[in-house]
């Protein structure tokens, strides 16, 4: 390997605005992040599905009367084929 082509890999801390501090190694030092796994809604389980501007209700209202019942399959597939003479 050639010398002096790789970046320095040094001890660093990652700090979140929630107060979580993670000690690791990186090529950058003292990284500050807005959100981490301790406070992100996806990882904490507090994620909520937000209905943007009533889209679900609007969809339900638009297609409320237009739903067709599923067609029943005919029993012809279970019947025996006609005999040939």
N, C-alpha and C. Protein backbone atom coordinates (compact mmCIF):
# COMPACT_ATOMS: atom_id res chain seq x y z
N UNK A 1 0.84 -1.20 0.00
CA UNK A 1 0.00 0.00 0.00
C UNK A 1 0.87 1.24 0.00
N UNK A 2 0.36 2.25 -0.63
CA UNK A 2 1.11 3.50 -0.66
C UNK A 2 0.89 4.26 0.63
N UNK A 3 1.88 4.97 1.05
CA UNK A 3 1.80 5.78 2.27
C UNK A 3 1.14 7.12 1.98
N UNK A 4 0.48 7.65 3.00
CA UNK A 4 -0.07 9.01 3.01
C UNK A 4 -1.17 9.26 1.98
N UNK A 5 -1.92 8.21 1.57
CA UNK A 5 -3.05 8.45 0.66
C UNK A 5 -4.38 8.23 1.36
N UNK A 6 -4.37 7.62 2.54
CA UNK A 6 -5.59 7.33 3.26
C UNK A 6 -5.87 8.43 4.29
N UNK A 7 -7.14 8.79 4.47
CA UNK A 7 -7.46 9.82 5.47
C UNK A 7 -7.24 9.29 6.89
N UNK A 8 -7.06 10.20 7.82
CA UNK A 8 -6.88 9.81 9.22
C UNK A 8 -8.20 9.30 9.78
N UNK A 9 -8.15 8.19 10.47
CA UNK A 9 -9.33 7.57 11.07
C UNK A 9 -9.16 7.73 12.57
N UNK A 10 -9.90 8.68 13.16
CA UNK A 10 -9.67 9.03 14.55
C UNK A 10 -10.94 8.94 15.39
N UNK A 11 -10.77 8.95 16.71
CA UNK A 11 -11.89 8.93 17.64
C UNK A 11 -12.73 10.19 17.45
N UNK A 12 -14.06 10.03 17.49
CA UNK A 12 -14.95 11.18 17.32
C UNK A 12 -16.21 10.96 18.15
N UNK A 13 -16.97 12.03 18.33
CA UNK A 13 -18.26 11.93 19.01
C UNK A 13 -19.34 12.45 18.08
N UNK A 14 -20.47 11.76 18.10
CA UNK A 14 -21.64 12.20 17.34
C UNK A 14 -22.65 12.67 18.36
N UNK A 15 -23.06 13.93 18.26
CA UNK A 15 -23.99 14.51 19.22
C UNK A 15 -25.30 14.86 18.52
N UNK A 16 -26.42 14.44 19.13
CA UNK A 16 -27.75 14.73 18.61
C UNK A 16 -28.34 15.87 19.42
N UNK A 17 -29.33 16.56 18.87
CA UNK A 17 -29.96 17.66 19.59
C UNK A 17 -30.79 17.15 20.78
N UNK A 18 -31.14 15.85 20.78
CA UNK A 18 -31.90 15.29 21.91
C UNK A 18 -31.00 15.03 23.11
N UNK A 19 -29.69 15.12 22.93
CA UNK A 19 -28.77 14.91 24.03
C UNK A 19 -27.98 13.61 23.93
N UNK A 20 -28.32 12.76 23.02
CA UNK A 20 -27.63 11.49 22.84
C UNK A 20 -26.23 11.75 22.29
N UNK A 21 -25.23 11.09 22.89
CA UNK A 21 -23.84 11.22 22.44
C UNK A 21 -23.33 9.82 22.14
N UNK A 22 -22.78 9.64 20.95
CA UNK A 22 -22.25 8.35 20.51
C UNK A 22 -20.76 8.52 20.25
N UNK A 23 -19.96 7.66 20.85
CA UNK A 23 -18.51 7.69 20.63
C UNK A 23 -18.16 6.62 19.62
N UNK A 24 -17.46 7.01 18.57
CA UNK A 24 -17.09 6.08 17.51
C UNK A 24 -15.82 6.58 16.84
N UNK A 25 -15.50 6.01 15.70
CA UNK A 25 -14.34 6.45 14.93
C UNK A 25 -14.80 6.90 13.55
N UNK A 26 -14.17 7.95 13.04
CA UNK A 26 -14.55 8.48 11.74
C UNK A 26 -13.42 9.33 11.19
N UNK A 27 -13.56 9.71 9.94
CA UNK A 27 -12.58 10.62 9.35
C UNK A 27 -12.91 12.07 9.71
N UNK A 28 -14.12 12.32 10.20
CA UNK A 28 -14.53 13.65 10.64
C UNK A 28 -14.59 13.65 12.16
N UNK A 29 -14.38 14.81 12.76
CA UNK A 29 -14.46 14.91 14.21
C UNK A 29 -15.66 15.74 14.62
N UNK A 30 -16.24 15.36 15.78
CA UNK A 30 -17.33 16.11 16.40
C UNK A 30 -18.48 16.39 15.43
N UNK A 31 -19.22 15.35 15.12
CA UNK A 31 -20.35 15.43 14.21
C UNK A 31 -21.60 15.78 15.00
N UNK A 32 -22.38 16.74 14.53
CA UNK A 32 -23.64 17.14 15.15
C UNK A 32 -24.78 16.79 14.20
N UNK A 33 -25.78 16.04 14.72
CA UNK A 33 -26.92 15.64 13.90
C UNK A 33 -28.21 16.16 14.53
N UNK A 34 -29.25 16.31 13.70
CA UNK A 34 -30.54 16.79 14.17
C UNK A 34 -31.39 15.68 14.77
N UNK A 35 -31.22 14.47 14.29
CA UNK A 35 -32.06 13.36 14.73
C UNK A 35 -31.23 12.08 14.73
N UNK A 36 -31.48 11.23 15.72
CA UNK A 36 -30.73 9.98 15.83
C UNK A 36 -31.71 8.83 16.08
N UNK A 37 -31.19 7.63 16.28
CA UNK A 37 -32.05 6.47 16.48
C UNK A 37 -32.78 6.51 17.82
N UNK A 38 -32.31 7.30 18.76
CA UNK A 38 -32.99 7.40 20.06
C UNK A 38 -34.23 8.30 19.99
N UNK A 39 -34.25 9.25 19.07
CA UNK A 39 -35.37 10.19 19.03
C UNK A 39 -36.15 10.16 17.71
N UNK A 40 -35.72 9.38 16.73
CA UNK A 40 -36.44 9.32 15.45
C UNK A 40 -37.74 8.54 15.64
N UNK A 41 -38.87 9.05 15.15
CA UNK A 41 -40.16 8.39 15.33
C UNK A 41 -40.22 6.97 14.77
N UNK A 42 -39.50 6.68 13.73
CA UNK A 42 -39.53 5.34 13.16
C UNK A 42 -38.94 4.32 14.13
N UNK A 43 -37.85 4.67 14.78
CA UNK A 43 -37.17 3.75 15.68
C UNK A 43 -37.80 3.72 17.07
N UNK A 44 -38.47 4.78 17.48
CA UNK A 44 -39.08 4.81 18.80
C UNK A 44 -40.46 4.18 18.81
N UNK A 45 -41.07 3.98 17.63
CA UNK A 45 -42.39 3.38 17.56
C UNK A 45 -43.50 4.39 17.74
N UNK A 46 -43.20 5.66 17.73
CA UNK A 46 -44.21 6.70 17.92
C UNK A 46 -44.60 7.35 16.60
N UNK A 47 -44.28 6.69 15.50
CA UNK A 47 -44.60 7.24 14.19
C UNK A 47 -46.10 7.19 13.97
N UNK A 48 -46.65 8.28 13.49
CA UNK A 48 -48.08 8.37 13.22
C UNK A 48 -48.30 8.56 11.73
N UNK A 49 -49.33 7.92 11.23
CA UNK A 49 -49.70 8.11 9.85
C UNK A 49 -50.55 9.37 9.76
N UNK A 50 -50.11 10.32 8.99
CA UNK A 50 -50.82 11.58 8.89
C UNK A 50 -51.63 11.59 7.60
N UNK A 51 -52.91 11.85 7.73
CA UNK A 51 -53.78 11.95 6.58
C UNK A 51 -53.67 13.37 6.06
N UNK A 52 -52.99 13.54 4.95
CA UNK A 52 -52.75 14.87 4.40
C UNK A 52 -54.01 15.38 3.71
N UNK A 53 -54.62 16.37 4.29
CA UNK A 53 -55.77 17.08 3.72
C UNK A 53 -56.96 16.16 3.43
N UNK A 54 -57.19 15.17 4.27
CA UNK A 54 -58.38 14.32 4.15
C UNK A 54 -58.41 13.46 2.91
N UNK A 55 -57.28 13.01 2.45
CA UNK A 55 -57.23 12.23 1.21
C UNK A 55 -57.94 10.89 1.34
N UNK A 56 -57.84 10.26 2.50
CA UNK A 56 -58.50 8.97 2.68
C UNK A 56 -60.01 9.15 2.63
N UNK A 57 -60.53 10.16 3.32
CA UNK A 57 -61.97 10.41 3.30
C UNK A 57 -62.45 10.78 1.91
N UNK A 58 -61.66 11.57 1.19
CA UNK A 58 -62.03 11.97 -0.16
C UNK A 58 -62.07 10.76 -1.08
N UNK A 59 -61.11 9.85 -0.94
CA UNK A 59 -61.09 8.63 -1.75
C UNK A 59 -62.30 7.77 -1.42
N UNK A 60 -62.59 7.59 -0.13
CA UNK A 60 -63.72 6.77 0.28
C UNK A 60 -65.03 7.35 -0.22
N UNK A 61 -65.15 8.66 -0.17
CA UNK A 61 -66.38 9.31 -0.64
C UNK A 61 -66.54 9.18 -2.15
N UNK A 62 -65.46 9.30 -2.87
CA UNK A 62 -65.51 9.24 -4.33
C UNK A 62 -65.89 7.85 -4.82
N UNK A 63 -65.36 6.83 -4.19
CA UNK A 63 -65.58 5.47 -4.67
C UNK A 63 -66.53 4.67 -3.78
N UNK A 64 -67.32 5.32 -2.96
CA UNK A 64 -68.22 4.63 -2.04
C UNK A 64 -69.26 3.79 -2.77
N UNK A 65 -69.90 4.31 -3.80
CA UNK A 65 -70.96 3.59 -4.48
C UNK A 65 -70.50 2.85 -5.71
N UNK A 66 -69.24 2.93 -6.06
CA UNK A 66 -68.76 2.36 -7.32
C UNK A 66 -68.09 1.01 -7.16
N UNK A 67 -68.10 0.46 -5.99
CA UNK A 67 -67.45 -0.83 -5.77
C UNK A 67 -68.36 -1.93 -6.28
N UNK A 68 -67.86 -2.74 -7.20
CA UNK A 68 -68.64 -3.84 -7.76
C UNK A 68 -68.30 -5.11 -6.98
N UNK A 69 -69.30 -5.93 -6.73
CA UNK A 69 -68.99 -7.20 -6.06
C UNK A 69 -68.18 -8.09 -6.98
N UNK A 70 -67.36 -8.92 -6.40
CA UNK A 70 -66.52 -9.82 -7.19
C UNK A 70 -67.40 -10.83 -7.91
N UNK A 71 -67.07 -11.10 -9.15
CA UNK A 71 -67.85 -12.05 -9.93
C UNK A 71 -67.61 -13.45 -9.38
N UNK A 72 -68.69 -14.18 -9.23
CA UNK A 72 -68.58 -15.56 -8.77
C UNK A 72 -68.12 -16.42 -9.94
N UNK A 73 -67.17 -17.28 -9.67
CA UNK A 73 -66.69 -18.16 -10.73
C UNK A 73 -67.77 -19.18 -11.04
N UNK A 74 -67.96 -19.45 -12.31
CA UNK A 74 -68.97 -20.44 -12.69
C UNK A 74 -68.47 -21.83 -12.34
N UNK A 75 -69.37 -22.72 -12.11
CA UNK A 75 -69.02 -24.07 -11.73
C UNK A 75 -68.65 -24.93 -12.93
N UNK A 76 -68.50 -24.32 -14.09
CA UNK A 76 -68.20 -25.10 -15.29
C UNK A 76 -66.82 -25.75 -15.19
N UNK A 77 -65.95 -25.18 -14.42
CA UNK A 77 -64.62 -25.76 -14.29
C UNK A 77 -64.66 -27.05 -13.50
N UNK A 78 -65.65 -27.18 -12.63
CA UNK A 78 -65.75 -28.40 -11.83
C UNK A 78 -66.59 -29.46 -12.51
N UNK A 79 -67.34 -29.07 -13.54
CA UNK A 79 -68.18 -30.03 -14.23
C UNK A 79 -67.33 -30.88 -15.16
N UNK A 80 -67.82 -32.08 -15.45
CA UNK A 80 -67.13 -32.95 -16.38
C UNK A 80 -67.36 -32.45 -17.81
N UNK A 81 -66.36 -32.59 -18.65
CA UNK A 81 -66.53 -32.14 -20.03
C UNK A 81 -67.58 -33.01 -20.74
N UNK A 82 -68.28 -32.46 -21.73
CA UNK A 82 -69.28 -33.23 -22.45
C UNK A 82 -68.63 -34.39 -23.22
N UNK A 83 -69.36 -35.47 -23.31
CA UNK A 83 -68.84 -36.65 -23.99
C UNK A 83 -68.95 -36.46 -25.50
N UNK A 84 -67.96 -36.90 -26.20
CA UNK A 84 -67.98 -36.80 -27.67
C UNK A 84 -68.40 -38.14 -28.26
N UNK A 85 -69.15 -38.12 -29.38
CA UNK A 85 -69.60 -39.36 -30.04
C UNK A 85 -68.90 -39.57 -31.33
